[in-house]
């Protein structure tokens, strides 16, 4: 039997939502073991001078706990 845990992180990118997701997962995997998936819980942009400045995503990351 395995037990999984879900944490929530926020990641950002100046390029796109997809890039923000990629960066968030990459950073999460640096400190979490056994990451098995994630889902985008929310998306947001920041605006500066009438243009999109930053793309932000709230990710719920799932990882399996060691026995």
Protein backbone atom coordinates (compact mmCIF):
# COMPACT_ATOMS: atom_id res chain seq x y z
CA UNK A 1 0.00 0.00 0.00
CA UNK A 2 1.29 3.48 -0.75
CA UNK A 3 0.34 6.85 0.64
CA UNK A 4 0.49 10.06 -1.39
CA UNK A 5 0.62 13.66 -0.28
CA UNK A 6 -0.50 16.76 -2.18
CA UNK A 7 1.11 20.18 -1.72
CA UNK A 8 0.29 23.49 -3.34
CA UNK A 9 2.96 25.64 -4.97
CA UNK A 10 2.92 28.83 -7.04
CA UNK A 11 5.20 29.15 -10.05
CA UNK A 12 5.74 31.98 -12.50
CA UNK A 13 7.25 32.66 -15.90
CA UNK A 14 7.72 35.63 -18.17
CA UNK A 15 7.03 33.39 -21.22
CA UNK A 16 3.79 31.43 -20.81
CA UNK A 17 1.52 29.39 -18.54
CA UNK A 18 3.08 26.22 -19.94
CA UNK A 19 6.55 27.44 -19.04
CA UNK A 20 5.37 28.32 -15.53
CA UNK A 21 4.08 24.75 -15.11
CA UNK A 22 7.37 23.29 -16.38
CA UNK A 23 9.42 25.48 -14.05
CA UNK A 24 7.19 24.69 -11.09
CA UNK A 25 7.51 20.95 -11.60
CA UNK A 26 11.26 21.21 -12.14
CA UNK A 27 11.73 23.13 -8.89
CA UNK A 28 9.37 20.83 -6.93
CA UNK A 29 11.35 17.78 -8.05
CA UNK A 30 14.55 19.30 -6.62
CA UNK A 31 13.24 18.93 -3.06
CA UNK A 32 10.46 16.32 -3.30
CA UNK A 33 10.98 12.63 -4.02
CA UNK A 34 8.56 10.43 -5.95
CA UNK A 35 6.56 13.19 -7.67
CA UNK A 36 3.87 11.40 -9.65
CA UNK A 37 1.70 14.20 -11.00
CA UNK A 38 0.29 17.69 -10.69
CA UNK A 39 -2.72 19.68 -11.74
CA UNK A 40 -3.19 23.36 -12.38
CA UNK A 41 -5.56 24.70 -9.75
CA UNK A 42 -5.50 28.32 -10.92
CA UNK A 43 -3.92 30.66 -13.45
CA UNK A 44 -3.22 34.37 -13.20
CA UNK A 45 -1.28 37.05 -15.04
CA UNK A 46 0.27 40.25 -13.82
CA UNK A 47 0.03 43.31 -16.05
CA UNK A 48 2.54 46.13 -16.44
CA UNK A 49 2.08 49.09 -18.77
CA UNK A 50 -0.91 47.44 -20.43
CA UNK A 51 0.94 44.22 -21.29
CA UNK A 52 1.18 40.81 -19.67
CA UNK A 53 4.24 40.93 -17.43
CA UNK A 54 4.18 37.50 -15.81
CA UNK A 55 2.22 34.24 -16.02
CA UNK A 56 1.48 32.51 -12.71
CA UNK A 57 0.07 29.09 -11.94
CA UNK A 58 -1.03 27.45 -8.73
CA UNK A 59 -0.03 23.79 -8.91
CA UNK A 60 -1.15 20.94 -6.70
CA UNK A 61 1.74 18.51 -6.76
CA UNK A 62 1.31 14.86 -5.77
CA UNK A 63 4.15 12.73 -4.45
CA UNK A 64 4.26 9.26 -2.91
CA UNK A 65 5.58 8.94 0.64
CA UNK A 66 8.23 6.34 1.40
CA UNK A 67 7.19 3.29 3.40
